[in-house]
PDB file of all heavy atoms in Angstrom:
ATOM      1  N   ASP A   1     -11.991 -14.635   3.225  1.00  0.00           N
ATOM      2  CA  ASP A   1     -12.875 -14.956   4.332  1.00  0.00           C
ATOM      3  C   ASP A   1     -14.293 -14.795   3.802  1.00  0.00           C
ATOM      4  O   ASP A   1     -14.810 -13.671   3.711  1.00  0.00           O
ATOM      5  CB  ASP A   1     -12.615 -14.018   5.510  1.00  0.00           C
ATOM      6  CG  ASP A   1     -13.443 -14.354   6.745  1.00  0.00           C
ATOM      7  OD1 ASP A   1     -14.489 -15.029   6.595  1.00  0.00           O
ATOM      8  OD2 ASP A   1     -13.063 -13.935   7.831  1.00  0.00           O
ATOM      9  N   ASN A   2     -14.910 -15.890   3.423  1.00  0.00           N
ATOM     10  CA  ASN A   2     -16.234 -15.816   2.801  1.00  0.00           C
ATOM     11  C   ASN A   2     -17.302 -15.322   3.768  1.00  0.00           C
ATOM     12  O   ASN A   2     -18.298 -14.725   3.346  1.00  0.00           O
ATOM     13  CB  ASN A   2     -16.617 -17.165   2.223  1.00  0.00           C
ATOM     14  CG  ASN A   2     -15.866 -17.474   0.933  1.00  0.00           C
ATOM     15  OD1 ASN A   2     -15.368 -16.554   0.266  1.00  0.00           O
ATOM     16  ND2 ASN A   2     -15.756 -18.739   0.593  1.00  0.00           N
ATOM     17  N   ALA A   3     -17.112 -15.563   5.038  1.00  0.00           N
ATOM     18  CA  ALA A   3     -18.080 -15.065   6.020  1.00  0.00           C
ATOM     19  C   ALA A   3     -18.108 -13.539   6.036  1.00  0.00           C
ATOM     20  O   ALA A   3     -19.139 -12.932   6.343  1.00  0.00           O
ATOM     21  CB  ALA A   3     -17.741 -15.598   7.395  1.00  0.00           C
ATOM     22  N   LYS A   4     -16.974 -12.938   5.687  1.00  0.00           N
ATOM     23  CA  LYS A   4     -16.880 -11.477   5.654  1.00  0.00           C
ATOM     24  C   LYS A   4     -16.954 -10.934   4.234  1.00  0.00           C
ATOM     25  O   LYS A   4     -16.840  -9.729   4.029  1.00  0.00           O
ATOM     26  CB  LYS A   4     -15.575 -11.022   6.307  1.00  0.00           C
ATOM     27  CG  LYS A   4     -15.468 -11.349   7.784  1.00  0.00           C
ATOM     28  CD  LYS A   4     -14.162 -10.841   8.363  1.00  0.00           C
ATOM     29  CE  LYS A   4     -14.071 -11.130   9.862  1.00  0.00           C
ATOM     30  NZ  LYS A   4     -12.786 -10.654  10.449  1.00  0.00           N
ATOM     31  N   ASN A   5     -17.099 -11.841   3.255  1.00  0.00           N
ATOM     32  CA  ASN A   5     -17.147 -11.425   1.850  1.00  0.00           C
ATOM     33  C   ASN A   5     -15.934 -10.570   1.486  1.00  0.00           C
ATOM     34  O   ASN A   5     -16.041  -9.541   0.806  1.00  0.00           O
ATOM     35  CB  ASN A   5     -18.443 -10.650   1.572  1.00  0.00           C
ATOM     36  CG  ASN A   5     -19.087 -11.037   0.255  1.00  0.00           C
ATOM     37  OD1 ASN A   5     -18.762 -12.060  -0.349  1.00  0.00           O
ATOM     38  ND2 ASN A   5     -20.004 -10.203  -0.206  1.00  0.00           N
ATOM     39  N   THR A   6     -14.769 -11.016   1.951  1.00  0.00           N
ATOM     40  CA  THR A   6     -13.543 -10.236   1.825  1.00  0.00           C
ATOM     41  C   THR A   6     -12.405 -11.115   1.323  1.00  0.00           C
ATOM     42  O   THR A   6     -12.296 -12.281   1.703  1.00  0.00           O
ATOM     43  CB  THR A   6     -13.160  -9.626   3.187  1.00  0.00           C
ATOM     44  OG1 THR A   6     -14.218  -8.772   3.633  1.00  0.00           O
ATOM     45  CG2 THR A   6     -11.888  -8.802   3.065  1.00  0.00           C
ATOM     46  N   VAL A   7     -11.586 -10.532   0.457  1.00  0.00           N
ATOM     47  CA  VAL A   7     -10.382 -11.196  -0.024  1.00  0.00           C
ATOM     48  C   VAL A   7      -9.185 -10.328   0.356  1.00  0.00           C
ATOM     49  O   VAL A   7      -9.290  -9.095   0.411  1.00  0.00           O
ATOM     50  CB  VAL A   7     -10.455 -11.460  -1.546  1.00  0.00           C
ATOM     51  CG1 VAL A   7     -10.487 -10.159  -2.328  1.00  0.00           C
ATOM     52  CG2 VAL A   7      -9.312 -12.328  -2.013  1.00  0.00           C
ATOM     53  N   TYR A   8      -8.059 -10.983   0.635  1.00  0.00           N
ATOM     54  CA  TYR A   8      -6.867 -10.292   1.116  1.00  0.00           C
ATOM     55  C   TYR A   8      -5.674 -10.582   0.214  1.00  0.00           C
ATOM     56  O   TYR A   8      -5.620 -11.609  -0.469  1.00  0.00           O
ATOM     57  CB  TYR A   8      -6.522 -10.763   2.534  1.00  0.00           C
ATOM     58  CG  TYR A   8      -7.646 -10.609   3.528  1.00  0.00           C
ATOM     59  CD1 TYR A   8      -8.478 -11.678   3.829  1.00  0.00           C
ATOM     60  CD2 TYR A   8      -7.868  -9.389   4.168  1.00  0.00           C
ATOM     61  CE1 TYR A   8      -9.523 -11.547   4.736  1.00  0.00           C
ATOM     62  CE2 TYR A   8      -8.905  -9.248   5.076  1.00  0.00           C
ATOM     63  CZ  TYR A   8      -9.721 -10.328   5.358  1.00  0.00           C
ATOM     64  OH  TYR A   8     -10.751 -10.194   6.259  1.00  0.00           O
ATOM     65  N   LEU A   9      -4.720  -9.669   0.261  1.00  0.00           N
ATOM     66  CA  LEU A   9      -3.440  -9.886  -0.410  1.00  0.00           C
ATOM     67  C   LEU A   9      -2.343  -9.446   0.550  1.00  0.00           C
ATOM     68  O   LEU A   9      -2.180  -8.255   0.811  1.00  0.00           O
ATOM     69  CB  LEU A   9      -3.348  -9.110  -1.724  1.00  0.00           C
ATOM     70  CG  LEU A   9      -2.086  -9.393  -2.540  1.00  0.00           C
ATOM     71  CD1 LEU A   9      -2.125 -10.829  -3.086  1.00  0.00           C
ATOM     72  CD2 LEU A   9      -1.940  -8.401  -3.705  1.00  0.00           C
ATOM     73  N   GLN A  10      -1.640 -10.432   1.092  1.00  0.00           N
ATOM     74  CA  GLN A  10      -0.486 -10.149   1.950  1.00  0.00           C
ATOM     75  C   GLN A  10       0.742 -10.010   1.065  1.00  0.00           C
ATOM     76  O   GLN A  10       1.074 -10.939   0.318  1.00  0.00           O
ATOM     77  CB  GLN A  10      -0.289 -11.284   2.951  1.00  0.00           C
ATOM     78  CG  GLN A  10       0.921 -11.108   3.845  1.00  0.00           C
ATOM     79  CD  GLN A  10       0.792  -9.934   4.801  1.00  0.00           C
ATOM     80  OE1 GLN A  10      -0.248  -9.727   5.403  1.00  0.00           O
ATOM     81  NE2 GLN A  10       1.866  -9.157   4.929  1.00  0.00           N
ATOM     82  N   MET A  11       1.384  -8.872   1.146  1.00  0.00           N
ATOM     83  CA  MET A  11       2.529  -8.586   0.290  1.00  0.00           C
ATOM     84  C   MET A  11       3.758  -8.387   1.163  1.00  0.00           C
ATOM     85  O   MET A  11       3.808  -7.460   1.980  1.00  0.00           O
ATOM     86  CB  MET A  11       2.264  -7.333  -0.547  1.00  0.00           C
ATOM     87  CG  MET A  11       0.972  -7.407  -1.358  1.00  0.00           C
ATOM     88  SD  MET A  11       0.774  -6.014  -2.481  1.00  0.00           S
ATOM     89  CE  MET A  11       0.671  -4.667  -1.319  1.00  0.00           C
ATOM     90  N   ASN A  12       4.724  -9.268   1.010  1.00  0.00           N
ATOM     91  CA  ASN A  12       5.979  -9.202   1.765  1.00  0.00           C
ATOM     92  C   ASN A  12       7.139  -8.950   0.822  1.00  0.00           C
ATOM     93  O   ASN A  12       7.026  -9.130  -0.394  1.00  0.00           O
ATOM     94  CB  ASN A  12       6.197 -10.511   2.529  1.00  0.00           C
ATOM     95  CG  ASN A  12       5.096 -10.805   3.533  1.00  0.00           C
ATOM     96  OD1 ASN A  12       4.526  -9.906   4.146  1.00  0.00           O
ATOM     97  ND2 ASN A  12       4.787 -12.088   3.704  1.00  0.00           N
ATOM     98  N   SER A  13       8.271  -8.567   1.400  1.00  0.00           N
ATOM     99  CA  SER A  13       9.500  -8.325   0.612  1.00  0.00           C
ATOM    100  C   SER A  13       9.205  -7.446  -0.593  1.00  0.00           C
ATOM    101  O   SER A  13       9.610  -7.750  -1.719  1.00  0.00           O
ATOM    102  CB  SER A  13      10.103  -9.659   0.171  1.00  0.00           C
ATOM    103  OG  SER A  13      10.394 -10.467   1.281  1.00  0.00           O
ATOM    104  N   LEU A  14       8.506  -6.366  -0.363  1.00  0.00           N
ATOM    105  CA  LEU A  14       8.087  -5.501  -1.460  1.00  0.00           C
ATOM    106  C   LEU A  14       9.275  -4.863  -2.160  1.00  0.00           C
ATOM    107  O   LEU A  14      10.301  -4.557  -1.530  1.00  0.00           O
ATOM    108  CB  LEU A  14       7.129  -4.432  -0.943  1.00  0.00           C
ATOM    109  CG  LEU A  14       5.699  -4.931  -0.714  1.00  0.00           C
ATOM    110  CD1 LEU A  14       4.936  -4.012   0.223  1.00  0.00           C
ATOM    111  CD2 LEU A  14       4.973  -5.082  -2.034  1.00  0.00           C
ATOM    112  N   LYS A  15       9.120  -4.686  -3.472  1.00  0.00           N
ATOM    113  CA  LYS A  15      10.152  -4.104  -4.314  1.00  0.00           C
ATOM    114  C   LYS A  15       9.603  -2.839  -4.978  1.00  0.00           C
ATOM    115  O   LYS A  15       8.389  -2.722  -5.162  1.00  0.00           O
ATOM    116  CB  LYS A  15      10.558  -5.099  -5.394  1.00  0.00           C
ATOM    117  CG  LYS A  15      11.018  -6.445  -4.874  1.00  0.00           C
ATOM    118  CD  LYS A  15      11.286  -7.402  -6.029  1.00  0.00           C
ATOM    119  CE  LYS A  15      11.740  -8.764  -5.527  1.00  0.00           C
ATOM    120  NZ  LYS A  15      11.998  -9.702  -6.648  1.00  0.00           N
ATOM    121  N   PRO A  16      10.457  -1.927  -5.379  1.00  0.00           N
ATOM    122  CA  PRO A  16       9.965  -0.728  -6.084  1.00  0.00           C
ATOM    123  C   PRO A  16       9.120  -1.069  -7.302  1.00  0.00           C
ATOM    124  O   PRO A  16       8.165  -0.345  -7.619  1.00  0.00           O
ATOM    125  CB  PRO A  16      11.260  -0.011  -6.463  1.00  0.00           C
ATOM    126  CG  PRO A  16      12.227  -0.405  -5.394  1.00  0.00           C
ATOM    127  CD  PRO A  16      11.889  -1.841  -5.078  1.00  0.00           C
ATOM    128  N   GLU A  17       9.425  -2.155  -7.976  1.00  0.00           N
ATOM    129  CA  GLU A  17       8.650  -2.539  -9.167  1.00  0.00           C
ATOM    130  C   GLU A  17       7.253  -3.049  -8.829  1.00  0.00           C
ATOM    131  O   GLU A  17       6.451  -3.288  -9.730  1.00  0.00           O
ATOM    132  CB  GLU A  17       9.401  -3.585  -9.999  1.00  0.00           C
ATOM    133  CG  GLU A  17       9.901  -4.779  -9.230  1.00  0.00           C
ATOM    134  CD  GLU A  17      11.366  -4.642  -8.827  1.00  0.00           C
ATOM    135  OE1 GLU A  17      11.757  -3.538  -8.349  1.00  0.00           O
ATOM    136  OE2 GLU A  17      12.105  -5.636  -8.955  1.00  0.00           O
ATOM    137  N   ASP A  18       6.946  -3.209  -7.535  1.00  0.00           N
ATOM    138  CA  ASP A  18       5.582  -3.556  -7.132  1.00  0.00           C
ATOM    139  C   ASP A  18       4.683  -2.322  -7.048  1.00  0.00           C
ATOM    140  O   ASP A  18       3.476  -2.443  -6.829  1.00  0.00           O
ATOM    141  CB  ASP A  18       5.587  -4.251  -5.775  1.00  0.00           C
ATOM    142  CG  ASP A  18       6.272  -5.600  -5.800  1.00  0.00           C
ATOM    143  OD1 ASP A  18       6.067  -6.347  -6.776  1.00  0.00           O
ATOM    144  OD2 ASP A  18       7.016  -5.898  -4.844  1.00  0.00           O
ATOM    145  N   THR A  19       5.257  -1.144  -7.216  1.00  0.00           N
ATOM    146  CA  THR A  19       4.482   0.090  -7.160  1.00  0.00           C
ATOM    147  C   THR A  19       3.425   0.108  -8.257  1.00  0.00           C
ATOM    148  O   THR A  19       3.723  -0.073  -9.432  1.00  0.00           O
ATOM    149  CB  THR A  19       5.409   1.310  -7.312  1.00  0.00           C
ATOM    150  OG1 THR A  19       6.284   1.360  -6.184  1.00  0.00           O
ATOM    151  CG2 THR A  19       4.609   2.596  -7.404  1.00  0.00           C
ATOM    152  N   ALA A  20       2.169   0.292  -7.857  1.00  0.00           N
ATOM    153  CA  ALA A  20       1.054   0.272  -8.790  1.00  0.00           C
ATOM    154  C   ALA A  20      -0.238   0.540  -8.029  1.00  0.00           C
ATOM    155  O   ALA A  20      -0.244   0.559  -6.796  1.00  0.00           O
ATOM    156  CB  ALA A  20       0.958  -1.094  -9.492  1.00  0.00           C
ATOM    157  N   VAL A  21      -1.301   0.724  -8.783  1.00  0.00           N
ATOM    158  CA  VAL A  21      -2.642   0.688  -8.191  1.00  0.00           C
ATOM    159  C   VAL A  21      -3.108  -0.765  -8.235  1.00  0.00           C
ATOM    160  O   VAL A  21      -3.046  -1.405  -9.297  1.00  0.00           O
ATOM    161  CB  VAL A  21      -3.625   1.597  -8.946  1.00  0.00           C
ATOM    162  CG1 VAL A  21      -5.017   1.494  -8.321  1.00  0.00           C
ATOM    163  CG2 VAL A  21      -3.134   3.040  -8.928  1.00  0.00           C
ATOM    164  N   TYR A  22      -3.550  -1.257  -7.107  1.00  0.00           N
ATOM    165  CA  TYR A  22      -3.977  -2.643  -6.984  1.00  0.00           C
ATOM    166  C   TYR A  22      -5.497  -2.711  -6.935  1.00  0.00           C
ATOM    167  O   TYR A  22      -6.141  -1.976  -6.177  1.00  0.00           O
ATOM    168  CB  TYR A  22      -3.386  -3.274  -5.725  1.00  0.00           C
ATOM    169  CG  TYR A  22      -1.934  -3.629  -5.874  1.00  0.00           C
ATOM    170  CD1 TYR A  22      -0.953  -2.632  -5.944  1.00  0.00           C
ATOM    171  CD2 TYR A  22      -1.522  -4.960  -5.971  1.00  0.00           C
ATOM    172  CE1 TYR A  22       0.377  -2.953  -6.110  1.00  0.00           C
ATOM    173  CE2 TYR A  22      -0.186  -5.293  -6.128  1.00  0.00           C
ATOM    174  CZ  TYR A  22       0.758  -4.274  -6.198  1.00  0.00           C
ATOM    175  OH  TYR A  22       2.091  -4.597  -6.368  1.00  0.00           O
ATOM    176  N   TYR A  23      -6.035  -3.609  -7.741  1.00  0.00           N
ATOM    177  CA  TYR A  23      -7.476  -3.785  -7.847  1.00  0.00           C
ATOM    178  C   TYR A  23      -7.843  -5.224  -7.509  1.00  0.00           C
ATOM    179  O   TYR A  23      -7.077  -6.154  -7.800  1.00  0.00           O
ATOM    180  CB  TYR A  23      -7.955  -3.519  -9.277  1.00  0.00           C
ATOM    181  CG  TYR A  23      -7.635  -2.155  -9.824  1.00  0.00           C
ATOM    182  CD1 TYR A  23      -6.416  -1.891 -10.440  1.00  0.00           C
ATOM    183  CD2 TYR A  23      -8.573  -1.115  -9.752  1.00  0.00           C
ATOM    184  CE1 TYR A  23      -6.120  -0.653 -10.951  1.00  0.00           C
ATOM    185  CE2 TYR A  23      -8.286   0.138 -10.271  1.00  0.00           C
ATOM    186  CZ  TYR A  23      -7.059   0.356 -10.870  1.00  0.00           C
ATOM    187  OH  TYR A  23      -6.781   1.598 -11.389  1.00  0.00           O
ATOM    188  N   CYS A  24      -9.023  -5.401  -6.922  1.00  0.00           N
ATOM    189  CA  CYS A  24      -9.531  -6.759  -6.779  1.00  0.00           C
ATOM    190  C   CYS A  24     -10.715  -6.945  -7.712  1.00  0.00           C
ATOM    191  O   CYS A  24     -11.414  -5.987  -8.059  1.00  0.00           O
ATOM    192  CB  CYS A  24      -9.933  -7.068  -5.341  1.00  0.00           C
ATOM    193  SG  CYS A  24     -11.433  -6.260  -4.771  1.00  0.00           S
ATOM    194  N   GLY A  25     -10.903  -8.177  -8.138  1.00  0.00           N
ATOM    195  CA  GLY A  25     -11.972  -8.480  -9.071  1.00  0.00           C
ATOM    196  C   GLY A  25     -12.611  -9.819  -8.762  1.00  0.00           C
ATOM    197  O   GLY A  25     -12.090 -10.623  -7.988  1.00  0.00           O
ATOM    198  N   VAL A  26     -13.751 -10.066  -9.396  1.00  0.00           N
ATOM    199  CA  VAL A  26     -14.472 -11.328  -9.243  1.00  0.00           C
ATOM    200  C   VAL A  26     -14.876 -11.835 -10.630  1.00  0.00           C
ATOM    201  O   VAL A  26     -15.263 -11.051 -11.502  1.00  0.00           O
ATOM    202  CB  VAL A  26     -15.702 -11.167  -8.325  1.00  0.00           C
ATOM    203  CG1 VAL A  26     -16.666 -10.123  -8.874  1.00  0.00           C
ATOM    204  CG2 VAL A  26     -16.402 -12.489  -8.090  1.00  0.00           C
ATOM    205  N   ASP A  27     -14.758 -13.135 -10.804  1.00  0.00           N
ATOM    206  CA  ASP A  27     -15.097 -13.789 -12.076  1.00  0.00           C
ATOM    207  C   ASP A  27     -16.423 -14.517 -11.896  1.00  0.00           C
ATOM    208  O   ASP A  27     -16.473 -15.586 -11.263  1.00  0.00           O
ATOM    209  CB  ASP A  27     -13.981 -14.760 -12.460  1.00  0.00           C
ATOM    210  CG  ASP A  27     -14.324 -15.590 -13.682  1.00  0.00           C
ATOM    211  OD1 ASP A  27     -15.324 -15.290 -14.368  1.00  0.00           O
ATOM    212  OD2 ASP A  27     -13.585 -16.558 -13.948  1.00  0.00           O
ATOM    213  N   LEU A  28     -17.480 -13.992 -12.460  1.00  0.00           N
ATOM    214  CA  LEU A  28     -18.805 -14.564 -12.263  1.00  0.00           C
ATOM    215  C   LEU A  28     -19.076 -15.790 -13.129  1.00  0.00           C
ATOM    216  O   LEU A  28     -20.152 -16.382 -13.032  1.00  0.00           O
ATOM    217  CB  LEU A  28     -19.878 -13.499 -12.503  1.00  0.00           C
ATOM    218  CG  LEU A  28     -19.849 -12.340 -11.507  1.00  0.00           C
ATOM    219  CD1 LEU A  28     -20.956 -11.344 -11.819  1.00  0.00           C
ATOM    220  CD2 LEU A  28     -19.959 -12.836 -10.083  1.00  0.00           C
TER     221      LEU A  28
END
């Protein structure tokens, strides 16, 4: 949502192997 300067990640059907620290980044 660029108006909010926000990016989202909807995660469904999660698995134990998805366990991690999640980071967001930007490519300038």
